[in-house]
Structures are given as C-alpha cells and as structure tokens.
Amino acid sequence: MPDRTNRQFRLAARPAGLPKPTDWELTTESVPAPREGEVLIQVLYVSIDPAMRHWMNEGRSYTEPVQIGDVMRAGTVGCVIESRNRNFRVGDCVVGGQGVQLFAISSGRGLRKVDPALAPLPAYLGGLGVTGLTAFFGLLEVGRARAGDTVVVSAAAGAVGSVVGQLAKIGGARAVGIAGGRDKCAYLLDIGFDAAIDYKSENVEQALDEHCPHGIDVYFDNVGGDILDSALAQLARGARVVLCGAISQYNLTTAVRGPTNYLSLLFSRARMEGFVTSDYKERYEAAIQKLARWRAEGRLQLREDIVDGLEAFPETLLRLFRGENTGKLMLKVAEV
C-alpha cells in the first residue's frame, strides 16, 4: 500500500461555552490496510453542523456523546480507495460518518453509495444528504405542511432552513424566513421565500404579525430562545411546531432556557414535536430521489459554503455560531 498519513481532529476536552482551540488535538498516524470485510475511504468533504456542539457534551441525548480522545464525529462524503468488502468497489463514492479526518477504515455499516453523475458530491452533505432529509421529513412528516399553510422557519439562510422554505413553496405554502442580516434576507427572497425577517434589525414578533396576518400554521425551529417565543405568540389554531434544533442554546454556560410562551400551544390547540432524521432512514432513498428531481428541475436551489483544509475545522465550526455561513457549511479536505 502507498505510504499514507492520516490527520484527525480528536476531542481533547469538553467545552464550556464556545469551543476553544485547546478543546481539540490534531493527531497524525499511519493509515492501516483494511482487513477482511473492511474498506479504506479517502474523505473528500466534511460536514459542519450545529449538532456537533451538542455531541461534545455529556448527558442524555438522542446519541452517545463523542468521548475524550475520539475522532470528532461528522458526516462525510468520500471515495473508496481500497476494498475487502464485496459490497463496495474501489472508486465508489460513499456518504457516512467518518469524522473529521483524511482517511477512515469502515466495515461498510452506515455507508451509502452516491452517484456523482446525479449531483456534485458536496450536494450529498447538503440538500441531497442529511440536511435535505432533515428539512424534508421535519416539514412534511412532523410539520404536516400543506398547500395554503403559512410556514415560518428560523435560521432560514442556513443549510436546513433554506431547504425548508423552498420545500414549503414547492408544496404550495407561503414561506417566511427569519435570518440575521440584510444579505441573508436578500438571499431568501432570491430563492423564493415570500418574506424575510432580519432578527438583527427588526422586532421579530411585530414582523411575524405583519407577514403572517392569519397566524403561523407551521413553525420550523432551528434556534430556540427568544425567536421561538416570538413564533409561539403568533400560532394559528391547530399549528404545528417542529423542533429541529436550538443553536442559540448550545453554547450556554447556564441552564438551557425553555419556551416561556408555551401556553400559546394550549390557546391555539397546537402541538410541538421534536424529531431525529434517522427515525426515517428506511425512507431516505425515496426522499433523495424527490429532492434530486426538484433540484434538476430548478425548483430547489442548493448553496454550499465550502472552506478548504482540514486544519480550518475549529474556526469553521465557530462560524456556525457567529452566523457567518449561508447555506450548507463544509470542509474540503482532499481533491476529488
């Protein structure tokens, strides 16, 4: 086997607040040959997601935390460069959770082949990957959005939020996005949102009242905190609140703050429901085919924010919490 050297970001300490450089260790090691039943993957792109901050914490969650000393968990797309697994051949492009590193050995469990002829590889970490699937199942299954609904989504210029709004429009609903800054709000209007609210310069509750005169039928929440409370105040009767994430809460050094306006659920006969995308994994392929078709038809626009180099990982992760990305954020760590 050619001489290959792996580089990996490992969790060195559990952060208090925003992650610091000392919370990571960049390690170097030789790449082993795959054993029987295994494949060796060269990682090409690494997904950067708000959930990564949650995975760094101890405590009860939908998945086990990353352990101190382990390679940081992350979604990846890569290429099989050696195979001793009959289900994968050299040259196959695969999506999985190989983490923040250059190479990975896998048994094949959790790997999914993807077709670079159907869409560019970064799309499989964005709108045709877990990001798009989160928007798809969260909006259509949990939120039960339908034609004529008013759908509001927070962090709307982010990876999931931007897809949620476009799927709402494809289904005949109105889409109102909440984002931070003039440029992000302009982007939302460019991709078809009916209205965009700048939480940095507008009173969100007043703006929601203006843009949702009949109330909010589906609120897709990515941020929690004050914006969630503002949305709860504007719910229509029978509304559905979809809990996808709470990026405003992930780096708190105090207790997480729940919604103070929760009685609106009672008054509006509404429901609030959380979900995890992997609950729908048996239906991934059918959903991806729909997302790919809408992309090919020009009805779904996917924007990627790609940063070069593995070493950029710690700073790139912080960009999420500073609100500096538009669309799907990822690292490019090797050439295709």
Protein backbone atom coordinates (compact mmCIF):
# COMPACT_ATOMS: atom_id res chain seq x y z
CA MET A 1 0.00 0.00 0.00
CA PRO A 2 1.30 3.52 -0.74
CA ASP A 3 2.60 5.47 2.24
CA ARG A 4 -0.37 7.41 3.58
CA THR A 5 -0.58 9.58 6.66
CA ASN A 6 -3.85 10.35 8.37
CA ARG A 7 -4.61 13.57 10.22
CA GLN A 8 -7.51 13.67 12.66
CA PHE A 9 -9.15 16.16 14.98
CA ARG A 10 -9.81 14.47 18.31
CA LEU A 11 -11.83 15.83 21.22
CA ALA A 12 -9.37 16.83 23.95
CA ALA A 13 -11.77 18.45 26.46
CA ARG A 14 -15.46 19.12 26.88
CA PRO A 15 -16.08 22.79 26.10
CA ALA A 16 -17.65 25.29 28.48
CA GLY A 17 -19.41 27.72 26.15
CA LEU A 18 -17.92 28.13 22.70
CA PRO A 19 -15.26 25.55 21.82
CA LYS A 20 -11.65 26.73 22.22
CA PRO A 21 -8.54 25.61 20.29
CA THR A 22 -7.44 23.67 23.38
CA ASP A 23 -10.60 21.54 23.19
CA TRP A 24 -9.08 19.82 20.14
CA GLU A 25 -5.99 17.79 19.38
CA LEU A 26 -4.77 17.40 15.80
CA THR A 27 -3.12 13.98 15.62
CA THR A 28 -1.13 12.19 12.94
CA GLU A 29 -0.91 8.44 12.36
CA SER A 30 -0.26 5.92 9.62
CA VAL A 31 -3.21 4.59 7.69
CA PRO A 32 -3.69 0.83 8.19
CA ALA A 33 -4.66 -1.55 5.41
CA PRO A 34 -8.28 -2.70 5.51
CA ARG A 35 -8.95 -6.16 6.89
CA GLU A 36 -11.41 -8.70 5.51
CA GLY A 37 -14.86 -7.08 5.26
CA GLU A 38 -13.48 -3.53 5.50
CA VAL A 39 -12.93 -0.62 3.14
CA LEU A 40 -10.48 2.27 3.23
CA ILE A 41 -12.07 5.63 2.45
CA GLN A 42 -10.38 8.85 1.46
CA VAL A 43 -12.52 11.62 2.93
CA LEU A 44 -13.21 14.43 0.47
CA TYR A 45 -15.69 16.69 2.29
CA VAL A 46 -16.59 17.01 5.98
CA SER A 47 -19.99 18.33 7.07
CA ILE A 48 -20.02 21.12 9.67
CA ASP A 49 -23.27 21.10 11.65
CA PRO A 50 -24.66 22.79 14.79
CA ALA A 51 -25.34 19.35 16.28
CA MET A 52 -21.58 18.82 16.58
CA ARG A 53 -21.54 21.16 19.56
CA HIS A 54 -24.24 19.08 21.23
CA TRP A 55 -22.30 15.85 20.59
CA MET A 56 -19.37 17.27 22.57
CA ASN A 57 -21.42 17.42 25.78
CA GLU A 58 -22.02 14.65 28.28
CA GLY A 59 -25.59 13.87 29.27
CA ARG A 60 -28.78 12.36 27.91
CA SER A 61 -29.34 12.86 24.21
CA TYR A 62 -30.51 11.06 21.08
CA THR A 63 -26.98 9.72 20.54
CA GLU A 64 -23.90 8.96 22.62
CA PRO A 65 -21.51 11.88 23.14
CA VAL A 66 -18.12 11.91 21.48
CA GLN A 67 -15.66 10.56 24.01
CA ILE A 68 -12.49 12.37 25.01
CA GLY A 69 -9.71 11.21 22.69
CA ASP A 70 -12.07 10.08 19.92
CA VAL A 71 -12.07 11.47 16.39
CA MET A 72 -14.72 14.19 16.21
CA ARG A 73 -17.94 12.82 14.76
CA ALA A 74 -19.01 14.33 11.44
CA GLY A 75 -20.86 13.45 8.28
CA THR A 76 -18.57 12.89 5.31
CA VAL A 77 -18.51 12.10 1.63
CA GLY A 78 -15.52 10.26 0.27
CA CYS A 79 -14.14 7.70 -2.13
CA VAL A 80 -13.31 4.02 -1.57
CA ILE A 81 -9.61 3.60 -2.36
CA GLU A 82 -9.16 0.01 -1.11
CA SER A 83 -11.81 -2.63 -0.53
CA ARG A 84 -12.04 -6.04 1.05
CA ASN A 85 -15.83 -5.77 1.29
CA ARG A 86 -17.83 -7.34 -1.53
CA ASN A 87 -20.48 -4.59 -1.33
CA PHE A 88 -18.05 -1.80 -2.24
CA ARG A 89 -15.59 -1.39 -5.06
CA VAL A 90 -12.61 0.91 -5.46
CA GLY A 91 -13.89 4.18 -6.87
CA ASP A 92 -17.30 4.05 -5.19
CA CYS A 93 -18.37 7.40 -3.74
CA VAL A 94 -19.89 6.98 -0.30
CA VAL A 95 -21.60 9.06 2.36
CA GLY A 96 -21.19 8.15 6.02
CA GLY A 97 -19.99 9.38 9.37
CA GLN A 98 -16.24 9.04 9.06
CA GLY A 99 -15.45 12.08 11.19
CA VAL A 100 -13.03 14.96 10.94
CA GLN A 101 -10.08 13.19 9.35
CA LEU A 102 -8.44 12.48 5.99
CA PHE A 103 -8.83 8.68 5.84
CA ALA A 104 -11.11 6.17 7.53
CA ILE A 105 -11.47 2.40 7.81
CA SER A 106 -15.07 1.20 7.71
CA SER A 107 -16.85 -2.13 7.95
CA GLY A 108 -19.38 -0.73 5.49
CA ARG A 109 -22.06 -0.30 8.12
CA GLY A 110 -23.72 3.08 7.75
CA LEU A 111 -22.13 3.74 4.35
CA ARG A 112 -24.37 4.71 1.45
CA LYS A 113 -23.25 4.83 -2.17
CA VAL A 114 -23.98 8.07 -4.02
CA ASP A 115 -23.91 8.93 -7.70
CA PRO A 116 -21.66 11.87 -8.70
CA ALA A 117 -23.43 11.91 -12.08
CA LEU A 118 -26.73 12.75 -10.38
CA ALA A 119 -25.30 15.72 -8.43
CA PRO A 120 -21.91 17.10 -7.35
CA LEU A 121 -20.53 15.33 -4.29
CA PRO A 122 -20.96 18.30 -1.87
CA ALA A 123 -24.71 18.15 -2.51
CA TYR A 124 -24.79 14.79 -0.70
CA LEU A 125 -23.81 16.54 2.53
CA GLY A 126 -26.32 19.32 1.84
CA GLY A 127 -29.67 19.28 0.12
CA LEU A 128 -29.37 15.67 -1.05
CA GLY A 129 -27.96 14.48 2.27
CA VAL A 130 -28.95 14.61 5.92
CA THR A 131 -29.53 18.36 5.62
CA GLY A 132 -32.15 17.97 2.92
CA LEU A 133 -33.63 14.90 4.59
CA THR A 134 -33.99 16.83 7.85
CA ALA A 135 -35.90 19.55 6.04
CA PHE A 136 -37.98 17.02 4.10
CA PHE A 137 -39.15 14.84 6.97
CA GLY A 138 -39.33 17.65 9.50
CA LEU A 139 -41.56 19.81 7.34
CA LEU A 140 -43.66 17.20 5.59
CA GLU A 141 -43.95 14.44 8.18
CA VAL A 142 -43.64 16.20 11.54
CA GLY A 143 -44.98 19.59 10.44
CA ARG A 144 -47.51 18.12 8.00
CA ALA A 145 -47.24 21.23 5.84
CA ARG A 146 -49.85 21.50 3.12
CA ALA A 147 -50.89 23.89 0.38
CA GLY A 148 -52.15 27.22 1.72
CA ASP A 149 -50.26 27.00 5.02
CA THR A 150 -48.03 29.76 6.29
CA VAL A 151 -44.67 28.20 7.13
CA VAL A 152 -42.11 30.12 9.20
CA VAL A 153 -38.55 28.86 9.63
CA SER A 154 -35.75 30.25 11.79
CA ALA A 155 -32.07 30.19 10.77
CA ALA A 156 -33.65 30.30 7.33
CA ALA A 157 -30.45 31.10 5.42
CA GLY A 158 -28.71 28.07 6.91
CA ALA A 159 -28.42 24.62 5.42
CA VAL A 160 -31.69 23.16 6.71
CA GLY A 161 -33.73 26.35 6.86
CA SER A 162 -33.13 27.33 3.25
CA VAL A 163 -34.37 23.93 2.08
CA VAL A 164 -37.41 24.05 4.40
CA GLY A 165 -38.62 27.28 2.83
CA GLN A 166 -38.17 26.01 -0.71
CA LEU A 167 -39.98 22.75 0.06
CA ALA A 168 -42.84 24.76 1.54
CA LYS A 169 -43.11 26.69 -1.72
CA ILE A 170 -42.95 23.51 -3.81
CA GLY A 171 -45.90 22.23 -1.77
CA GLY A 172 -47.98 25.37 -2.30
CA ALA A 173 -47.44 27.01 1.10
CA ARG A 174 -46.23 30.51 1.95
CA ALA A 175 -42.67 30.67 3.28
CA VAL A 176 -41.45 33.28 5.77
CA GLY A 177 -37.82 33.10 6.84
CA ILE A 178 -36.05 34.57 9.87
CA ALA A 179 -32.35 35.26 9.36
CA GLY A 180 -29.60 37.58 10.56
CA GLY A 181 -28.58 40.45 8.30
CA ARG A 182 -29.63 42.19 5.10
CA ASP A 183 -27.62 39.92 2.79
CA LYS A 184 -29.12 36.73 4.19
CA CYS A 185 -32.64 38.12 3.92
CA ALA A 186 -31.98 39.12 0.30
CA TYR A 187 -30.78 35.57 -0.37
CA LEU A 188 -34.04 34.15 1.00
CA LEU A 189 -36.10 36.31 -1.33
CA ASP A 190 -33.87 35.30 -4.25
CA ILE A 191 -34.64 31.60 -3.69
CA GLY A 192 -38.37 32.17 -3.48
CA PHE A 193 -39.34 32.95 0.12
CA ASP A 194 -42.40 35.20 0.33
CA ALA A 195 -40.91 37.30 3.14
CA ALA A 196 -37.72 37.54 5.17
CA ILE A 197 -37.33 38.94 8.68
CA ASP A 198 -33.98 40.30 9.88
CA TYR A 199 -33.83 39.47 13.58
CA LYS A 200 -30.80 41.75 13.96
CA SER A 201 -32.67 44.90 12.93
CA GLU A 202 -36.39 44.11 13.26
CA ASN A 203 -38.77 43.32 16.08
CA VAL A 204 -39.43 39.68 15.24
CA GLU A 205 -42.83 39.43 16.91
CA GLN A 206 -44.11 42.56 15.15
CA ALA A 207 -42.71 41.40 11.82
CA LEU A 208 -44.35 37.99 12.20
CA ASP A 209 -47.66 39.70 12.92
CA GLU A 210 -47.23 41.71 9.70
CA HIS A 211 -46.17 38.85 7.45
CA CYS A 212 -48.45 36.19 8.96
CA PRO A 213 -51.81 38.01 9.32
CA HIS A 214 -53.69 34.73 9.78
CA GLY A 215 -51.09 33.23 12.10
CA ILE A 216 -48.37 30.62 11.67
CA ASP A 217 -49.51 27.15 10.61
CA VAL A 218 -46.06 25.51 10.76
CA TYR A 219 -43.10 26.88 12.68
CA PHE A 220 -39.83 25.06 11.97
CA ASP A 221 -37.47 25.92 14.81
CA ASN A 222 -33.71 25.79 14.49
CA VAL A 223 -32.73 28.31 17.16
CA GLY A 224 -34.89 28.22 20.32
CA GLY A 225 -34.76 31.13 22.76
CA ASP A 226 -36.45 34.46 22.11
CA ILE A 227 -37.29 33.73 18.49
CA LEU A 228 -39.15 30.56 19.48
CA ASP A 229 -41.16 32.59 21.99
CA SER A 230 -42.00 35.18 19.33
CA ALA A 231 -43.22 32.48 16.96
CA LEU A 232 -45.34 30.82 19.64
CA ALA A 233 -47.14 34.13 20.15
CA GLN A 234 -48.31 34.07 16.51
CA LEU A 235 -49.57 30.50 16.14
CA ALA A 236 -52.73 29.80 14.17
CA ARG A 237 -55.28 27.37 15.51
CA GLY A 238 -54.05 23.80 15.04
CA ALA A 239 -50.48 24.91 14.34
CA ARG A 240 -47.54 22.51 14.33
CA VAL A 241 -44.21 23.50 15.88
CA VAL A 242 -41.29 21.40 14.64
CA LEU A 243 -38.29 21.25 16.99
CA CYS A 244 -35.24 20.62 14.84
CA GLY A 245 -32.51 22.44 16.77
CA ALA A 246 -31.73 25.22 19.24
CA ILE A 247 -28.48 26.80 18.13
CA SER A 248 -28.98 29.79 20.44
CA GLN A 249 -28.75 27.43 23.43
CA TYR A 250 -25.86 25.11 22.58
CA ASN A 251 -23.04 27.24 23.97
CA LEU A 252 -24.71 28.50 27.13
CA THR A 253 -22.80 28.12 30.37
CA THR A 254 -26.08 28.34 32.30
CA ALA A 255 -29.12 26.09 32.12
CA VAL A 256 -30.90 25.81 28.75
CA ARG A 257 -33.88 28.13 28.63
CA GLY A 258 -37.16 26.58 27.59
CA PRO A 259 -40.05 28.44 25.96
CA THR A 260 -41.76 30.90 28.27
CA ASN A 261 -44.68 31.35 25.89
CA TYR A 262 -45.67 27.68 25.87
CA LEU A 263 -49.27 28.35 26.92
CA SER A 264 -49.86 29.54 23.37
CA LEU A 265 -49.87 25.85 22.46
CA LEU A 266 -52.92 25.44 24.65
CA PHE A 267 -54.74 28.53 23.40
CA SER A 268 -54.04 27.63 19.75
CA ARG A 269 -54.76 23.90 20.12
CA ALA A 270 -51.29 23.46 18.67
CA ARG A 271 -48.64 20.82 19.13
CA MET A 272 -44.86 20.94 19.47
CA GLU A 273 -42.84 17.90 18.42
CA GLY A 274 -39.16 17.09 18.20
CA PHE A 275 -37.67 14.58 15.78
CA VAL A 276 -34.42 12.93 14.72
CA THR A 277 -33.88 12.45 10.99
CA SER A 278 -32.56 8.91 11.38
CA ASP A 279 -36.03 7.84 12.51
CA TYR A 280 -36.90 7.91 8.80
CA LYS A 281 -33.81 6.13 7.43
CA GLU A 282 -35.86 3.41 5.75
CA ARG A 283 -37.34 6.12 3.54
CA TYR A 284 -34.14 8.02 2.71
CA GLU A 285 -33.74 6.83 -0.87
CA ALA A 286 -37.26 7.78 -1.95
CA ALA A 287 -36.87 11.22 -0.39
CA ILE A 288 -33.47 11.78 -2.02
CA GLN A 289 -34.92 10.93 -5.42
CA LYS A 290 -37.59 13.61 -4.95
CA LEU A 291 -35.05 16.17 -3.75
CA ALA A 292 -32.78 15.38 -6.70
CA ARG A 293 -35.65 15.74 -9.16
CA TRP A 294 -36.64 19.14 -7.74
CA ARG A 295 -33.01 20.22 -7.93
CA ALA A 296 -32.76 19.11 -11.58
CA GLU A 297 -35.97 20.98 -12.38
CA GLY A 298 -34.56 24.16 -10.83
CA ARG A 299 -37.20 24.23 -8.10
CA LEU A 300 -34.70 23.52 -5.31
CA GLN A 301 -31.58 25.66 -5.18
CA LEU A 302 -28.73 24.36 -3.03
CA ARG A 303 -25.99 26.65 -1.79
CA GLU A 304 -22.77 25.36 -0.30
CA ASP A 305 -20.29 27.31 1.82
CA ILE A 306 -17.05 25.33 1.39
CA VAL A 307 -13.86 26.03 3.35
CA ASP A 308 -10.56 24.50 2.26
CA GLY A 309 -8.39 22.38 4.52
CA LEU A 310 -8.74 20.04 7.48
CA GLU A 311 -6.79 22.43 9.72
CA ALA A 312 -9.57 25.01 9.34
CA PHE A 313 -12.03 22.82 11.28
CA PRO A 314 -12.03 24.57 14.72
CA GLU A 315 -12.52 28.04 13.27
CA THR A 316 -15.05 26.85 10.69
CA LEU A 317 -17.19 25.28 13.40
CA LEU A 318 -17.30 28.64 15.19
CA ARG A 319 -18.62 30.29 12.03
CA LEU A 320 -21.91 28.49 12.60
CA PHE A 321 -22.40 30.09 16.00
CA ARG A 322 -21.39 33.54 14.74
CA GLY A 323 -23.97 33.25 11.97
CA GLU A 324 -21.36 33.71 9.24
CA ASN A 325 -22.42 30.96 6.85
CA THR A 326 -25.12 30.97 4.20
CA GLY A 327 -26.26 27.55 3.03
CA LYS A 328 -24.52 24.30 3.86
CA LEU A 329 -21.14 24.70 5.59
CA MET A 330 -18.46 22.07 4.99
CA LEU A 331 -14.73 21.47 4.73
CA LYS A 332 -13.00 20.31 1.57
CA VAL A 333 -10.13 18.14 2.80
CA ALA A 334 -8.97 16.42 -0.40
CA GLU A 335 -9.28 16.73 -4.16
CA VAL A 336 -11.82 14.54 -5.94
